C-alpha cells in the first residue's frame, strides 16, 4: 500500500513539474526562466530588460531593441542628461541603465499597472529597425560561421548559437558553434512555432515582443530608426538639449551577404508580424532582397 501511494505521488509530482515547464514555456510567468529537459542551459526572458525604462526628471520613456542601435541611443541619452559623454570602460555598459553609473536617473518599471500609468502621461520614444536588415545584422554579429569576414564576436558565438538552438527545440546542440544564414532563420522559425520567442536573446527578439509587446506603435509618442535626425532632435529637446541635435553616429559594413531564395522565404515568414505593425514607421526602400545583399545596412552597436 505504501509503495503504491509513493508511486502515485511520484507520478503526480512529475506531471506537475512537466506541466509547470509547459507554463513557463508559454510565458505565463513574466519573470520566469525556462530550463530545457536536457538541463544544459537556462533560457531567460529576453524582453524583460528592454521595457519599460522611465526617466522621471524629464518624464521620458525610451526603448530600443538589440541591433537597432540601442547602444548608440543610450550614449546619446546619457550625454544629454549628464552633459558629457559616457567615459566608462568595461561592465556595466551604457545600456545597463539601472547600474550605479546612471545614478538612478533611469528607472526600470516592470509592473503592468504602473507601466500603463507612465505610458499614458509620458513622452515615449521607441527605436526600431527594418526587421530583415536587423536579423541579418544580428546573424553577422553573433552567429555567422565566416567570423573574420563579418566581424563576428568569436568569444560569445558558441553561447548565442547554442542558446538559439535550445529555444528552437534542438537537443543536440553542444557541438554547434555557428550557423549559416538559412539555418539561423530556420532556428528562429522553430522557436516561434514553439512560442519561445520571448526566450530569445534581445539581439534576435522580434520587435513585436520587445518595446511593442504591450503597447503597439500607435501608443508611443515617437517611433523612429536610428537614422532619423528629426526624431532625435525631438528626443534631445525633451531631455533638455538646446540648439541643433545630431542623431547618434553609425558605421557601415562593406561586406556582402548572399540571400538565397530559401533564406528570403524564411526572412519573409519570420518578419511578417513585425512588418505588419511597423510598415508605417520604416524608411524606404528596403535593402534586403533575394540574390546579393548589395550594401549591408549600418552595422549598428546593439
Protein backbone atom coordinates (compact mmCIF):
# COMPACT_ATOMS: atom_id res chain seq x y z
CA UNK A 1 0.00 0.00 0.00
CA UNK A 2 2.78 2.41 0.96
CA UNK A 3 4.69 1.61 -2.23
CA UNK A 4 1.56 2.23 -4.30
CA UNK A 5 0.93 5.61 -2.67
CA UNK A 6 4.56 6.56 -3.17
CA UNK A 7 4.33 5.66 -6.88
CA UNK A 8 1.14 7.69 -7.29
CA UNK A 9 2.70 10.65 -5.52
CA UNK A 10 5.80 10.43 -7.71
CA UNK A 11 3.76 10.38 -10.90
CA UNK A 12 1.64 13.34 -9.77
CA UNK A 13 4.73 15.30 -8.81
CA UNK A 14 6.39 14.54 -12.14
CA UNK A 15 3.26 15.63 -14.02
CA UNK A 16 3.18 18.87 -12.04
CA UNK A 17 6.81 19.65 -12.84
CA UNK A 18 6.33 18.89 -16.53
CA UNK A 19 3.16 20.98 -16.56
CA UNK A 20 4.96 23.85 -14.88
CA UNK A 21 7.65 23.66 -17.52
CA UNK A 22 4.96 23.98 -20.15
CA UNK A 23 3.52 27.02 -18.41
CA UNK A 24 6.91 28.69 -18.32
CA UNK A 25 7.45 27.89 -21.98
CA UNK A 26 4.10 29.54 -22.76
CA UNK A 27 5.26 32.64 -20.89
CA UNK A 28 2.60 32.53 -18.15
CA UNK A 29 5.06 33.88 -15.60
CA UNK A 30 6.60 37.13 -16.86
CA UNK A 31 9.67 36.72 -14.64
CA UNK A 32 10.28 33.05 -15.43
CA UNK A 33 13.29 31.22 -16.69
CA UNK A 34 12.92 28.09 -18.78
CA UNK A 35 15.23 25.12 -18.22
CA UNK A 36 15.19 22.64 -21.09
CA UNK A 37 14.64 18.94 -20.43
CA UNK A 38 18.30 18.21 -21.10
CA UNK A 39 19.32 20.57 -18.31
CA UNK A 40 22.18 22.04 -20.32
CA UNK A 41 21.17 25.70 -20.42
CA UNK A 42 18.78 28.02 -18.70
CA UNK A 43 16.91 30.34 -21.02
CA UNK A 44 15.87 33.68 -19.60
CA UNK A 45 13.25 36.06 -20.84
CA UNK A 46 14.93 38.30 -23.39
CA UNK A 47 12.28 41.01 -23.32
CA UNK A 48 12.22 41.96 -19.64
CA UNK A 49 15.30 44.18 -19.70
CA UNK A 50 14.09 46.21 -22.69
CA UNK A 51 10.85 47.67 -21.35
CA UNK A 52 9.94 49.94 -19.52
CA UNK A 53 12.74 52.48 -18.88
CA UNK A 54 11.47 55.75 -17.47
CA UNK A 55 13.35 58.98 -16.76
CA UNK A 56 11.17 60.70 -14.15
CA UNK A 57 13.01 64.01 -14.19
CA UNK A 58 12.12 64.64 -17.83
CA UNK A 59 9.14 62.25 -17.84
CA UNK A 60 10.53 60.38 -20.85
CA UNK A 61 10.31 56.67 -21.72
CA UNK A 62 12.97 55.22 -24.05
CA UNK A 63 13.09 51.75 -25.57
CA UNK A 64 15.25 50.09 -28.22
CA UNK A 65 15.75 46.56 -29.48
CA UNK A 66 19.08 44.78 -29.82
CA UNK A 67 20.78 45.52 -33.17
CA UNK A 68 18.59 48.58 -33.67
CA UNK A 69 21.26 50.97 -32.47
CA UNK A 70 20.13 50.93 -28.83
CA UNK A 71 23.70 51.29 -27.51
CA UNK A 72 24.11 54.43 -29.61
CA UNK A 73 20.72 55.67 -28.40
CA UNK A 74 21.68 55.27 -24.74
CA UNK A 75 25.02 57.01 -25.36
CA UNK A 76 23.01 59.87 -26.84
CA UNK A 77 20.64 59.97 -23.86
CA UNK A 78 23.47 59.79 -21.34
CA UNK A 79 25.26 62.72 -22.95
CA UNK A 80 22.10 64.84 -22.94
CA UNK A 81 21.32 64.05 -19.31
CA UNK A 82 24.82 64.38 -17.85
CA UNK A 83 26.29 67.00 -20.16
CA UNK A 84 29.27 64.83 -21.18
CA UNK A 85 29.99 61.60 -22.98
CA UNK A 86 29.97 58.16 -21.40
CA UNK A 87 33.52 57.94 -20.05
CA UNK A 88 33.50 54.44 -18.57
CA UNK A 89 35.04 51.26 -19.90
CA UNK A 90 34.04 47.66 -19.25
CA UNK A 91 30.92 46.47 -17.46
CA UNK A 92 28.34 47.64 -16.69
CA UNK A 93 27.82 49.03 -20.16
CA UNK A 94 25.83 52.10 -21.10
CA UNK A 95 22.70 50.09 -21.92
CA UNK A 96 22.66 48.74 -18.34
CA UNK A 97 20.66 51.79 -17.35
CA UNK A 98 19.87 50.62 -13.81
CA UNK A 99 23.58 50.45 -12.89
CA UNK A 100 25.12 52.93 -10.47
CA UNK A 101 26.80 54.68 -13.39
CA UNK A 102 23.42 56.16 -14.30
CA UNK A 103 23.00 57.49 -10.75
CA UNK A 104 19.36 56.45 -10.52
CA UNK A 105 18.26 58.72 -13.35
CA UNK A 106 16.57 55.86 -15.25
CA UNK A 107 14.03 53.60 -13.55
CA UNK A 108 13.10 50.14 -14.80
CA UNK A 109 9.37 49.66 -14.23
CA UNK A 110 8.09 46.08 -14.59
CA UNK A 111 4.60 46.28 -13.10
CA UNK A 112 1.92 46.48 -15.76
CA UNK A 113 -0.38 48.88 -13.91
CA UNK A 114 2.45 51.33 -13.36
CA UNK A 115 3.60 50.90 -16.97
CA UNK A 116 0.13 51.87 -18.14
CA UNK A 117 0.15 54.97 -15.95
CA UNK A 118 3.56 56.06 -17.23
CA UNK A 119 2.76 55.45 -20.89
CA UNK A 120 -0.47 57.44 -20.59
CA UNK A 121 1.31 60.59 -19.43
CA UNK A 122 4.93 60.48 -20.58
CA UNK A 123 6.73 61.27 -23.80
CA UNK A 124 7.68 57.85 -25.15
CA UNK A 125 10.38 57.10 -27.73
CA UNK A 126 10.83 53.68 -29.39
CA UNK A 127 13.83 52.86 -31.56
CA UNK A 128 13.16 50.46 -34.46
CA UNK A 129 14.92 48.96 -37.45
CA UNK A 130 13.91 47.25 -40.67
CA UNK A 131 13.29 43.66 -39.45
CA UNK A 132 15.16 41.89 -42.26
CA UNK A 133 18.17 44.16 -42.06
CA UNK A 134 18.23 43.74 -38.30
CA UNK A 135 18.19 39.92 -38.39
CA UNK A 136 20.98 39.78 -40.97
CA UNK A 137 23.00 42.19 -38.88
CA UNK A 138 22.39 40.11 -35.74
CA UNK A 139 23.41 36.91 -37.56
CA UNK A 140 26.61 38.55 -38.81
CA UNK A 141 27.50 39.90 -35.40
CA UNK A 142 26.65 36.90 -33.22
CA UNK A 143 26.33 33.60 -35.12
CA UNK A 144 27.86 33.64 -38.62
CA UNK A 145 30.44 30.97 -39.45
CA UNK A 146 32.65 33.27 -41.54
CA UNK A 147 33.57 35.28 -38.49
CA UNK A 148 36.60 37.06 -39.92
CA UNK A 149 34.59 38.23 -42.92
CA UNK A 150 31.69 39.62 -40.92
CA UNK A 151 33.41 40.68 -37.71
CA UNK A 152 31.51 38.10 -35.66
CA UNK A 153 32.13 38.14 -31.92
CA UNK A 154 34.03 34.86 -31.63
CA UNK A 155 34.15 34.97 -27.85
CA UNK A 156 30.37 34.68 -27.49
CA UNK A 157 29.41 32.88 -30.71
CA UNK A 158 29.07 29.44 -29.11
CA UNK A 159 26.79 30.82 -26.43
CA UNK A 160 24.48 32.68 -28.82
CA UNK A 161 24.35 29.75 -31.25
CA UNK A 162 23.54 27.12 -28.65
CA UNK A 163 21.05 29.30 -26.78
CA UNK A 164 19.15 29.92 -30.01
CA UNK A 165 19.12 26.23 -30.90
CA UNK A 166 17.79 25.38 -27.45
CA UNK A 167 14.95 27.87 -27.85
CA UNK A 168 14.26 26.22 -31.21
CA UNK A 169 13.78 22.86 -29.50
CA UNK A 170 17.03 21.19 -30.53
CA UNK A 171 18.55 18.63 -28.18
CA UNK A 172 21.92 18.01 -29.83
CA UNK A 173 23.47 21.45 -29.97
CA UNK A 174 26.54 21.14 -27.73
CA UNK A 175 28.85 20.80 -30.75
CA UNK A 176 27.25 23.62 -32.74
CA UNK A 177 29.49 26.68 -32.88
CA UNK A 178 27.93 28.71 -35.69
CA UNK A 179 25.07 28.68 -38.21
CA UNK A 180 24.58 29.57 -41.84
CA UNK A 181 22.06 32.29 -42.58
CA UNK A 182 19.44 29.73 -43.62
CA UNK A 183 19.98 27.58 -40.53
CA UNK A 184 19.81 30.68 -38.34
CA UNK A 185 16.46 31.65 -39.84
CA UNK A 186 15.14 28.09 -39.57
CA UNK A 187 16.03 28.10 -35.87
CA UNK A 188 14.13 31.35 -35.39
CA UNK A 189 11.15 29.90 -37.24
CA UNK A 190 11.14 26.84 -34.97
CA UNK A 191 11.45 28.99 -31.84
CA UNK A 192 8.42 30.99 -32.94
CA UNK A 193 6.47 27.80 -33.62
CA UNK A 194 7.22 26.66 -30.05
CA UNK A 195 6.14 30.10 -28.79
CA UNK A 196 9.59 30.60 -27.31
CA UNK A 197 10.20 33.96 -28.98
CA UNK A 198 10.28 35.78 -25.63
CA UNK A 199 13.11 33.49 -24.55
CA UNK A 200 15.31 34.61 -27.43
CA UNK A 201 18.27 36.85 -26.71
CA UNK A 202 17.45 40.52 -27.19
CA UNK A 203 19.51 40.62 -30.40
CA UNK A 204 17.12 38.12 -32.00
CA UNK A 205 13.97 39.01 -30.08
CA UNK A 206 11.26 40.14 -32.54
CA UNK A 207 10.33 43.79 -32.18
CA UNK A 208 6.74 42.70 -31.55
CA UNK A 209 7.95 41.07 -28.31
CA UNK A 210 10.09 43.95 -27.09
CA UNK A 211 9.01 47.57 -26.95
CA UNK A 212 5.65 46.75 -28.55
CA UNK A 213 4.66 43.61 -26.66
CA UNK A 214 2.16 45.54 -24.53
CA UNK A 215 1.90 48.90 -26.28
CA UNK A 216 1.66 48.97 -30.11
CA UNK A 217 3.46 51.70 -32.06
CA UNK A 218 0.32 53.85 -32.03
CA UNK A 219 0.62 54.17 -28.25
CA UNK A 220 4.12 55.68 -28.46
CA UNK A 221 4.79 59.39 -28.88
CA UNK A 222 7.53 58.73 -31.42
CA UNK A 223 8.72 55.61 -33.27
CA UNK A 224 11.85 56.04 -35.37
CA UNK A 225 15.04 54.40 -36.69
CA UNK A 226 18.50 55.49 -35.56
CA UNK A 227 18.97 57.48 -38.78
CA UNK A 228 16.02 59.81 -38.10
CA UNK A 229 17.73 63.06 -37.12
CA UNK A 230 14.42 64.87 -36.63
CA UNK A 231 13.23 62.28 -34.13
CA UNK A 232 16.47 62.50 -32.16
CA UNK A 233 16.25 66.28 -32.22
CA UNK A 234 12.83 66.00 -30.57
CA UNK A 235 14.17 63.47 -28.05
CA UNK A 236 17.12 65.76 -27.31
CA UNK A 237 14.79 68.67 -26.64
CA UNK A 238 12.74 66.52 -24.27
CA UNK A 239 15.96 65.76 -22.40
CA UNK A 240 16.75 69.45 -22.06
CA UNK A 241 19.12 69.93 -25.00
CA UNK A 242 19.05 73.25 -26.85
CA UNK A 243 20.17 74.05 -30.37
CA UNK A 244 20.81 71.60 -33.17
CA UNK A 245 20.90 67.94 -32.16
CA UNK A 246 22.54 65.30 -34.35
CA UNK A 247 21.43 61.69 -34.45
CA UNK A 248 23.82 59.14 -32.96
CA UNK A 249 26.64 58.09 -35.23
CA UNK A 250 26.68 54.78 -37.03
CA UNK A 251 29.27 52.88 -39.01
CA UNK A 252 28.73 50.91 -42.20
CA UNK A 253 29.91 47.44 -43.16
CA UNK A 254 31.10 46.82 -46.70
CA UNK A 255 30.67 43.06 -46.58
CA UNK A 256 28.15 41.43 -48.88
CA UNK A 257 25.71 38.73 -47.82
CA UNK A 258 24.18 36.28 -50.24
CA UNK A 259 20.46 35.85 -49.68
CA UNK A 260 19.30 32.60 -51.24
CA UNK A 261 15.68 32.06 -52.33
CA UNK A 262 15.17 29.80 -49.30
CA UNK A 263 16.68 32.39 -46.96
CA UNK A 264 14.47 35.09 -48.44
CA UNK A 265 11.37 32.95 -47.93
CA UNK A 266 12.37 32.34 -44.31
CA UNK A 267 13.01 36.06 -43.81
CA UNK A 268 9.57 36.84 -45.23
CA UNK A 269 7.98 34.37 -42.83
CA UNK A 270 9.71 35.27 -39.56
CA UNK A 271 9.50 39.04 -40.07
CA UNK A 272 5.89 39.25 -41.31
CA UNK A 273 4.42 40.12 -37.87
CA UNK A 274 6.98 42.90 -37.41
CA UNK A 275 6.27 44.47 -40.80
CA UNK A 276 2.56 44.30 -40.02
CA UNK A 277 2.95 46.72 -37.12
CA UNK A 278 5.97 48.75 -38.29
CA UNK A 279 5.34 49.29 -42.01
CA UNK A 280 4.15 52.88 -41.47
CA UNK A 281 7.25 53.77 -39.45
CA UNK A 282 10.04 52.25 -41.56
CA UNK A 283 12.16 54.17 -44.07
CA UNK A 284 12.06 53.10 -47.70
CA UNK A 285 13.41 51.49 -49.76
CA UNK A 286 14.50 48.30 -48.06
CA UNK A 287 17.91 46.97 -49.00
CA UNK A 288 17.28 43.24 -48.47
CA UNK A 289 16.26 41.17 -51.47
CA UNK A 290 16.93 37.78 -52.95
CA UNK A 291 20.34 37.34 -54.50
CA UNK A 292 23.14 39.57 -53.29
CA UNK A 293 22.61 41.87 -50.38
CA UNK A 294 24.40 44.61 -52.30
CA UNK A 295 25.06 47.04 -49.47
CA UNK A 296 24.92 45.99 -45.88
CA UNK A 297 22.97 48.33 -43.64
CA UNK A 298 24.91 50.14 -40.90
CA UNK A 299 26.48 47.62 -38.53
CA UNK A 300 24.95 49.34 -35.55
CA UNK A 301 26.06 48.98 -31.97
CA UNK A 302 23.35 46.82 -30.42
